[in-house]
Every structure is written in C-alpha cells, then in structure tokens.
Amino acid sequence: MPWLALALLTAFCLALYNFFIKLASDQLPAAVGAVVLQLVAAVLGAVWLLKLKLQGQPLPISGQGLLLATLAGVGVGLAEILTFVVFSRGVPSSVGTPVIVGGSVLLTALLGLVVLRETLSWSQALGLASIVVGIALLARGH
C-alpha cells in the first residue's frame, strides 16, 4: 500500500479514536476510559506481534528502541487521559479534536525541526502556519 493511502487510513483510525473518546467521555471517568482504551490497544498490538512471530519474521529489539517506545507510551497514555478530561468538560468534538490533533502536528513538526534538524519547504511552513491560525480561531470561538 502506498504511504499516502496508509497515512489516510491511519488518519481515519485516529478520527474514530477521537470520536469514540468524545462519546465515552460522557459515559465514564477519564481514568476508566483510558485504561480500557490501553488494554484494547495492547491486545491488538500483542495479536500483531504474535502474527509476525508465527510467520517467522525477525524482530530485532534494542534497548534504545524499547526506551523510545516506552516514552511514546507515556506520551500517548497522558494524551488519552487528557483527551477524556477535555471532552468531559463539554468541549465539542469539532473544536477539541482539531486543537488537540493540530497542536500535536505542530509540536511534532517543531521537534523535528529543532531536535532532528529537519527542513521545511515554504509550502510546508505555510501549512504549519495555517494550523496555528486554525487553532487560534477554534479556541477563540469556544
């Protein structure tokens, strides 16, 4: 599958993730929602890992890779809890999700620029500036 199709499928899954967190945030405490979400995600990951292992695919593991994956897990775990909290405060999905996701995209791009020394074209920089404007407009209207 080409990377763009895979990225759009990932965006669709992320949309479902945010949408269902919004719906669940009115039905149960943030901590319960976050734990259930993480358990289901862990099961999916374990099934995928088992499938790869049964297919005999090599699974090279490094200490640095495990540390970085752990740090990513801390980030996503906190993000999930905070997303439940944001939506439990009555923020509409049409406002909260673009602010959270757009802010995430912007901050990740900045980390890439500063830490990884990546570069941007003018059109890419304009896209990031558009995210800043969008977040400001969404936050102002709520």
N, C-alpha and C. Protein backbone atom coordinates (compact mmCIF):
# COMPACT_ATOMS: atom_id res chain seq x y z
N MET A 1 0.86 -1.18 0.00
CA MET A 1 0.00 0.00 0.00
C MET A 1 0.90 1.24 0.00
N PRO A 2 0.65 2.21 -0.87
CA PRO A 2 1.45 3.44 -0.90
C PRO A 2 1.34 4.18 0.43
N TRP A 3 2.39 4.94 0.77
CA TRP A 3 2.43 5.60 2.07
C TRP A 3 1.26 6.56 2.27
N LEU A 4 0.82 7.25 1.22
CA LEU A 4 -0.26 8.22 1.39
C LEU A 4 -1.57 7.52 1.72
N ALA A 5 -1.86 6.41 1.05
CA ALA A 5 -3.07 5.66 1.37
C ALA A 5 -3.01 5.13 2.80
N LEU A 6 -1.84 4.65 3.20
CA LEU A 6 -1.66 4.16 4.57
C LEU A 6 -1.81 5.30 5.57
N ALA A 7 -1.29 6.48 5.25
CA ALA A 7 -1.42 7.64 6.13
C ALA A 7 -2.88 8.08 6.25
N LEU A 8 -3.62 8.03 5.15
CA LEU A 8 -5.04 8.40 5.20
C LEU A 8 -5.85 7.37 5.99
N LEU A 9 -5.51 6.11 5.87
CA LEU A 9 -6.15 5.08 6.69
C LEU A 9 -5.85 5.30 8.17
N THR A 10 -4.62 5.68 8.46
CA THR A 10 -4.24 6.00 9.84
C THR A 10 -5.03 7.19 10.34
N ALA A 11 -5.20 8.20 9.52
CA ALA A 11 -5.99 9.37 9.90
C ALA A 11 -7.44 8.98 10.18
N PHE A 12 -7.98 8.07 9.38
CA PHE A 12 -9.35 7.58 9.60
C PHE A 12 -9.44 6.88 10.97
N CYS A 13 -8.45 6.04 11.27
CA CYS A 13 -8.44 5.34 12.57
C CYS A 13 -8.30 6.34 13.72
N LEU A 14 -7.46 7.36 13.53
CA LEU A 14 -7.31 8.39 14.56
C LEU A 14 -8.61 9.18 14.74
N ALA A 15 -9.32 9.39 13.64
CA ALA A 15 -10.63 10.07 13.74
C ALA A 15 -11.60 9.24 14.56
N LEU A 16 -11.64 7.93 14.31
CA LEU A 16 -12.51 7.05 15.11
C LEU A 16 -12.10 7.08 16.58
N TYR A 17 -10.82 7.05 16.83
CA TYR A 17 -10.28 7.12 18.19
C TYR A 17 -10.80 8.36 18.91
N ASN A 18 -10.63 9.53 18.28
CA ASN A 18 -11.07 10.79 18.90
C ASN A 18 -12.58 10.85 19.04
N PHE A 19 -13.30 10.40 18.03
CA PHE A 19 -14.76 10.43 18.06
C PHE A 19 -15.30 9.56 19.20
N PHE A 20 -14.76 8.36 19.34
CA PHE A 20 -15.26 7.47 20.38
C PHE A 20 -14.81 7.90 21.77
N ILE A 21 -13.66 8.55 21.89
CA ILE A 21 -13.29 9.14 23.19
C ILE A 21 -14.30 10.21 23.56
N LYS A 22 -14.68 11.04 22.59
CA LYS A 22 -15.67 12.08 22.86
C LYS A 22 -16.97 11.47 23.37
N LEU A 23 -17.46 10.43 22.70
CA LEU A 23 -18.70 9.80 23.13
C LEU A 23 -18.55 9.14 24.51
N ALA A 24 -17.42 8.47 24.73
CA ALA A 24 -17.22 7.77 26.00
C ALA A 24 -17.02 8.73 27.17
N SER A 25 -16.50 9.91 26.91
CA SER A 25 -16.18 10.84 28.00
C SER A 25 -17.41 11.27 28.78
N ASP A 26 -18.59 11.17 28.19
CA ASP A 26 -19.83 11.49 28.89
C ASP A 26 -20.38 10.28 29.66
N GLN A 27 -19.79 9.11 29.43
CA GLN A 27 -20.34 7.88 29.98
C GLN A 27 -19.53 7.28 31.12
N LEU A 28 -18.25 7.65 31.23
CA LEU A 28 -17.42 7.06 32.29
C LEU A 28 -16.25 7.97 32.63
N PRO A 29 -15.63 7.75 33.80
CA PRO A 29 -14.50 8.59 34.20
C PRO A 29 -13.31 8.45 33.25
N ALA A 30 -12.53 9.51 33.14
CA ALA A 30 -11.38 9.53 32.23
C ALA A 30 -10.43 8.37 32.50
N ALA A 31 -10.16 8.07 33.76
CA ALA A 31 -9.22 7.00 34.10
C ALA A 31 -9.72 5.65 33.61
N VAL A 32 -11.00 5.39 33.75
CA VAL A 32 -11.57 4.12 33.29
C VAL A 32 -11.47 4.03 31.77
N GLY A 33 -11.87 5.10 31.10
CA GLY A 33 -11.79 5.12 29.64
C GLY A 33 -10.38 4.91 29.14
N ALA A 34 -9.42 5.56 29.77
CA ALA A 34 -8.02 5.44 29.35
C ALA A 34 -7.51 4.01 29.55
N VAL A 35 -7.86 3.39 30.66
CA VAL A 35 -7.39 2.02 30.92
C VAL A 35 -8.00 1.05 29.91
N VAL A 36 -9.31 1.16 29.67
CA VAL A 36 -9.96 0.27 28.70
C VAL A 36 -9.33 0.46 27.32
N LEU A 37 -9.16 1.71 26.92
CA LEU A 37 -8.57 2.01 25.62
C LEU A 37 -7.18 1.38 25.51
N GLN A 38 -6.35 1.54 26.54
CA GLN A 38 -5.00 0.99 26.51
C GLN A 38 -4.98 -0.53 26.50
N LEU A 39 -5.91 -1.15 27.24
CA LEU A 39 -5.97 -2.61 27.25
C LEU A 39 -6.32 -3.15 25.86
N VAL A 40 -7.29 -2.53 25.22
CA VAL A 40 -7.68 -2.96 23.88
C VAL A 40 -6.51 -2.74 22.91
N ALA A 41 -5.85 -1.60 23.00
CA ALA A 41 -4.71 -1.33 22.13
C ALA A 41 -3.58 -2.33 22.38
N ALA A 42 -3.35 -2.68 23.64
CA ALA A 42 -2.30 -3.66 23.96
C ALA A 42 -2.63 -5.03 23.38
N VAL A 43 -3.90 -5.41 23.44
CA VAL A 43 -4.30 -6.71 22.87
C VAL A 43 -4.08 -6.70 21.36
N LEU A 44 -4.48 -5.62 20.69
CA LEU A 44 -4.26 -5.53 19.24
C LEU A 44 -2.77 -5.62 18.90
N GLY A 45 -1.95 -4.90 19.65
CA GLY A 45 -0.51 -4.96 19.42
C GLY A 45 0.05 -6.35 19.65
N ALA A 46 -0.43 -7.02 20.70
CA ALA A 46 0.05 -8.37 21.00
C ALA A 46 -0.35 -9.36 19.91
N VAL A 47 -1.56 -9.22 19.38
CA VAL A 47 -2.00 -10.10 18.29
C VAL A 47 -1.12 -9.89 17.05
N TRP A 48 -0.82 -8.64 16.74
CA TRP A 48 0.04 -8.34 15.59
C TRP A 48 1.44 -8.91 15.80
N LEU A 49 1.98 -8.72 17.00
CA LEU A 49 3.30 -9.26 17.31
C LEU A 49 3.33 -10.78 17.20
N LEU A 50 2.31 -11.43 17.73
CA LEU A 50 2.22 -12.89 17.66
C LEU A 50 2.15 -13.36 16.20
N LYS A 51 1.36 -12.65 15.39
CA LYS A 51 1.25 -12.98 13.96
C LYS A 51 2.61 -12.90 13.28
N LEU A 52 3.34 -11.83 13.54
CA LEU A 52 4.67 -11.67 12.95
C LEU A 52 5.61 -12.79 13.41
N LYS A 53 5.55 -13.11 14.69
CA LYS A 53 6.41 -14.16 15.25
C LYS A 53 6.09 -15.51 14.61
N LEU A 54 4.78 -15.81 14.47
CA LEU A 54 4.38 -17.09 13.88
C LEU A 54 4.76 -17.18 12.40
N GLN A 55 4.85 -16.03 11.75
CA GLN A 55 5.28 -16.01 10.35
C GLN A 55 6.80 -16.13 10.22
N GLY A 56 7.50 -16.14 11.36
CA GLY A 56 8.95 -16.27 11.34
C GLY A 56 9.70 -15.00 10.99
N GLN A 57 9.02 -13.86 11.07
CA GLN A 57 9.69 -12.60 10.74
C GLN A 57 10.68 -12.24 11.86
N PRO A 58 11.85 -11.76 11.49
CA PRO A 58 12.81 -11.33 12.51
C PRO A 58 12.28 -10.09 13.25
N LEU A 59 12.48 -10.07 14.53
CA LEU A 59 12.01 -8.94 15.35
C LEU A 59 13.19 -8.41 16.18
N PRO A 60 14.12 -7.70 15.52
CA PRO A 60 15.27 -7.19 16.27
C PRO A 60 14.84 -6.13 17.28
N ILE A 61 15.34 -6.25 18.50
CA ILE A 61 14.96 -5.35 19.58
C ILE A 61 16.23 -4.73 20.16
N SER A 62 16.20 -3.42 20.38
CA SER A 62 17.33 -2.74 21.01
C SER A 62 16.84 -2.05 22.28
N GLY A 63 17.75 -1.82 23.18
CA GLY A 63 17.42 -1.10 24.42
C GLY A 63 16.93 0.30 24.13
N GLN A 64 17.58 0.98 23.18
CA GLN A 64 17.16 2.35 22.84
C GLN A 64 15.77 2.33 22.22
N GLY A 65 15.50 1.34 21.37
CA GLY A 65 14.17 1.24 20.77
C GLY A 65 13.10 1.02 21.83
N LEU A 66 13.38 0.17 22.81
CA LEU A 66 12.42 -0.07 23.89
C LEU A 66 12.20 1.18 24.73
N LEU A 67 13.30 1.91 25.00
CA LEU A 67 13.17 3.16 25.77
C LEU A 67 12.31 4.17 25.02
N LEU A 68 12.57 4.34 23.72
CA LEU A 68 11.81 5.31 22.93
C LEU A 68 10.34 4.90 22.82
N ALA A 69 10.07 3.60 22.66
CA ALA A 69 8.69 3.13 22.62
C ALA A 69 8.00 3.36 23.96
N THR A 70 8.74 3.19 25.05
CA THR A 70 8.19 3.44 26.39
C THR A 70 7.83 4.92 26.55
N LEU A 71 8.73 5.79 26.11
CA LEU A 71 8.44 7.22 26.19
C LEU A 71 7.23 7.60 25.33
N ALA A 72 7.11 6.97 24.16
CA ALA A 72 5.94 7.21 23.32
C ALA A 72 4.68 6.73 24.04
N GLY A 73 4.78 5.61 24.74
CA GLY A 73 3.64 5.09 25.51
C GLY A 73 3.23 6.04 26.61
N VAL A 74 4.20 6.65 27.29
CA VAL A 74 3.89 7.64 28.32
C VAL A 74 3.16 8.82 27.68
N GLY A 75 3.66 9.27 26.54
CA GLY A 75 3.02 10.40 25.86
C GLY A 75 1.60 10.10 25.44
N VAL A 76 1.37 8.94 24.83
CA VAL A 76 0.03 8.61 24.36
C VAL A 76 -0.90 8.33 25.53
N GLY A 77 -0.38 7.72 26.59
CA GLY A 77 -1.22 7.47 27.76
C GLY A 77 -1.71 8.77 28.39
N LEU A 78 -0.79 9.70 28.56
CA LEU A 78 -1.18 11.01 29.11
C LEU A 78 -2.12 11.75 28.16
N ALA A 79 -1.85 11.66 26.86
CA ALA A 79 -2.72 12.32 25.87
C ALA A 79 -4.14 11.75 25.93
N GLU A 80 -4.25 10.44 26.09
CA GLU A 80 -5.57 9.82 26.15
C GLU A 80 -6.33 10.27 27.39
N ILE A 81 -5.66 10.27 28.53
CA ILE A 81 -6.31 10.72 29.76
C ILE A 81 -6.77 12.17 29.60
N LEU A 82 -5.87 13.01 29.11
CA LEU A 82 -6.20 14.43 28.97
C LEU A 82 -7.30 14.66 27.93
N THR A 83 -7.34 13.84 26.88
CA THR A 83 -8.41 13.97 25.88
C THR A 83 -9.77 13.65 26.52
N PHE A 84 -9.82 12.60 27.33
CA PHE A 84 -11.05 12.30 28.06
C PHE A 84 -11.44 13.48 28.95
N VAL A 85 -10.49 14.07 29.64
CA VAL A 85 -10.77 15.19 30.54
C VAL A 85 -11.28 16.40 29.75
N VAL A 86 -10.62 16.71 28.63
CA VAL A 86 -11.05 17.84 27.79
C VAL A 86 -12.51 17.65 27.36
N PHE A 87 -12.83 16.47 26.83
CA PHE A 87 -14.18 16.24 26.33
C PHE A 87 -15.20 16.13 27.45
N SER A 88 -14.79 15.69 28.63
CA SER A 88 -15.73 15.61 29.76
C SER A 88 -16.12 17.00 30.24
N ARG A 89 -15.39 18.01 29.82
CA ARG A 89 -15.71 19.39 30.18
C ARG A 89 -16.63 20.05 29.16
N GLY A 90 -17.17 19.25 28.26
CA GLY A 90 -18.16 19.76 27.32
C GLY A 90 -17.62 20.38 26.05
N VAL A 91 -16.34 20.26 25.81
CA VAL A 91 -15.77 20.81 24.57
C VAL A 91 -16.29 19.98 23.40
N PRO A 92 -16.85 20.63 22.38
CA PRO A 92 -17.34 19.88 21.23
C PRO A 92 -16.20 19.15 20.51
N SER A 93 -16.52 18.01 19.95
CA SER A 93 -15.54 17.23 19.19
C SER A 93 -15.00 18.05 18.02
N SER A 94 -15.86 18.86 17.42
CA SER A 94 -15.47 19.66 16.25
C SER A 94 -14.48 20.78 16.61
N VAL A 95 -14.31 21.05 17.89
CA VAL A 95 -13.34 22.05 18.35
C VAL A 95 -12.15 21.37 19.01
N GLY A 96 -12.42 20.50 19.97
CA GLY A 96 -11.35 19.86 20.74
C GLY A 96 -10.42 19.02 19.90
N THR A 97 -10.99 18.21 19.02
CA THR A 97 -10.14 17.31 18.21
C THR A 97 -9.19 18.09 17.30
N PRO A 98 -9.66 19.09 16.55
CA PRO A 98 -8.70 19.83 15.71
C PRO A 98 -7.63 20.56 16.52
N VAL A 99 -7.98 21.06 17.70
CA VAL A 99 -6.98 21.73 18.52
C VAL A 99 -5.94 20.72 19.02
N ILE A 100 -6.42 19.57 19.50
CA ILE A 100 -5.51 18.54 20.01
C ILE A 100 -4.63 17.98 18.88
N VAL A 101 -5.27 17.56 17.81
CA VAL A 101 -4.52 16.94 16.71
C VAL A 101 -3.65 17.97 15.99
N GLY A 102 -4.21 19.14 15.71
CA GLY A 102 -3.42 20.19 15.06
C GLY A 102 -2.25 20.62 15.91
N GLY A 103 -2.49 20.78 17.22
CA GLY A 103 -1.40 21.13 18.13
C GLY A 103 -0.33 20.06 18.16
N SER A 104 -0.76 18.81 18.12
CA SER A 104 0.18 17.69 18.10
C SER A 104 1.03 17.73 16.83
N VAL A 105 0.40 17.95 15.70
CA VAL A 105 1.12 18.03 14.42
C VAL A 105 2.13 19.17 14.46
N LEU A 106 1.71 20.31 14.94
CA LEU A 106 2.58 21.49 15.00
C LEU A 106 3.78 21.23 15.92
N LEU A 107 3.52 20.71 17.11
CA LEU A 107 4.62 20.48 18.06
C LEU A 107 5.56 19.38 17.57
N THR A 108 5.02 18.35 16.93
CA THR A 108 5.87 17.30 16.37
C THR A 108 6.76 17.86 15.26
N ALA A 109 6.20 18.71 14.42
CA ALA A 109 6.99 19.33 13.36
C ALA A 109 8.09 20.20 13.95
N LEU A 110 7.78 20.96 14.99
CA LEU A 110 8.79 21.80 15.63
C LEU A 110 9.91 20.95 16.25
N LEU A 111 9.54 19.83 16.88
CA LEU A 111 10.56 18.91 17.41
C LEU A 111 11.43 18.36 16.28
N GLY A 112 10.81 18.03 15.16
CA GLY A 112 11.58 17.56 14.01
C GLY A 112 12.55 18.61 13.51
N LEU A 113 12.11 19.85 13.48
CA LEU A 113 12.98 20.93 13.02
C LEU A 113 14.13 21.20 13.98
N VAL A 114 13.80 21.27 15.27
CA VAL A 114 14.80 21.67 16.27
C VAL A 114 15.70 20.50 16.67
N VAL A 115 15.11 19.36 16.99
CA VAL A 115 15.88 18.24 17.52
C VAL A 115 16.51 17.40 16.41
N LEU A 116 15.72 17.09 15.38
CA LEU A 116 16.21 16.22 14.31
C LEU A 116 16.85 16.99 13.15
N ARG A 117 16.80 18.33 13.23
CA ARG A 117 17.38 19.20 12.20
C ARG A 117 16.77 18.97 10.82
N GLU A 118 15.46 18.68 10.79
CA GLU A 118 14.76 18.52 9.51
C GLU A 118 14.53 19.90 8.91
N THR A 119 14.18 19.94 7.64
CA THR A 119 13.92 21.21 6.97
C THR A 119 12.51 21.21 6.40
N LEU A 120 12.00 22.40 6.14
CA LEU A 120 10.67 22.57 5.56
C LEU A 120 10.77 23.41 4.29
N SER A 121 9.91 23.10 3.34
CA SER A 121 9.76 23.98 2.18
C SER A 121 8.84 25.13 2.59
N TRP A 122 8.75 26.13 1.75
CA TRP A 122 7.86 27.25 2.04
C TRP A 122 6.41 26.80 2.14
N SER A 123 6.01 25.89 1.26
CA SER A 123 4.61 25.43 1.30
C SER A 123 4.34 24.63 2.57
N GLN A 124 5.31 23.87 3.03
CA GLN A 124 5.14 23.13 4.28
C GLN A 124 5.08 24.08 5.48
N ALA A 125 5.93 25.11 5.47
CA ALA A 125 5.90 26.12 6.53
C ALA A 125 4.56 26.85 6.54
N LEU A 126 4.02 27.12 5.36
CA LEU A 126 2.71 27.76 5.27
C LEU A 126 1.62 26.85 5.83
N GLY A 127 1.73 25.56 5.58
CA GLY A 127 0.79 24.60 6.15
C GLY A 127 0.82 24.62 7.67
N LEU A 128 2.01 24.67 8.25
CA LEU A 128 2.12 24.74 9.71
C LEU A 128 1.57 26.06 10.25
N ALA A 129 1.82 27.14 9.54
CA ALA A 129 1.27 28.44 9.95
C ALA A 129 -0.25 28.40 9.90
N SER A 130 -0.80 27.70 8.93
CA SER A 130 -2.26 27.56 8.84
C SER A 130 -2.82 26.82 10.05
N ILE A 131 -2.07 25.85 10.55
CA ILE A 131 -2.50 25.13 11.74
C ILE A 131 -2.57 26.09 12.93
N VAL A 132 -1.57 26.95 13.06
CA VAL A 132 -1.56 27.93 14.16
C VAL A 132 -2.78 28.83 14.07
N VAL A 133 -3.07 29.33 12.87
CA VAL A 133 -4.24 30.19 12.67
C VAL A 133 -5.52 29.41 12.99
N GLY A 134 -5.61 28.18 12.52
CA GLY A 134 -6.79 27.36 12.78
C GLY A 134 -7.01 27.13 14.26
N ILE A 135 -5.95 26.81 14.99
CA ILE A 135 -6.08 26.59 16.43
C ILE A 135 -6.55 27.88 17.11
N ALA A 136 -5.98 29.01 16.72
CA ALA A 136 -6.38 30.28 17.32
C ALA A 136 -7.85 30.58 17.05
N LEU A 137 -8.32 30.33 15.83
CA LEU A 137 -9.72 30.59 15.50
C LEU A 137 -10.65 29.63 16.25
N LEU A 138 -10.29 28.38 16.35
CA LEU A 138 -11.13 27.41 17.05
C LEU A 138 -11.20 27.72 18.54
N ALA A 139 -10.06 28.03 19.15
CA ALA A 139 -10.02 28.31 20.58
C ALA A 139 -10.77 29.60 20.92
N ARG A 140 -10.71 30.57 20.02
CA ARG A 140 -11.37 31.86 20.25
C ARG A 140 -12.89 31.72 20.23
N GLY A 141 -13.38 30.85 19.35
CA GLY A 141 -14.82 30.71 19.20
C GLY A 141 -15.49 29.88 20.28
N HIS A 142 -14.69 29.28 21.18
CA HIS A 142 -15.33 28.44 22.21
C HIS A 142 -15.14 29.01 23.57
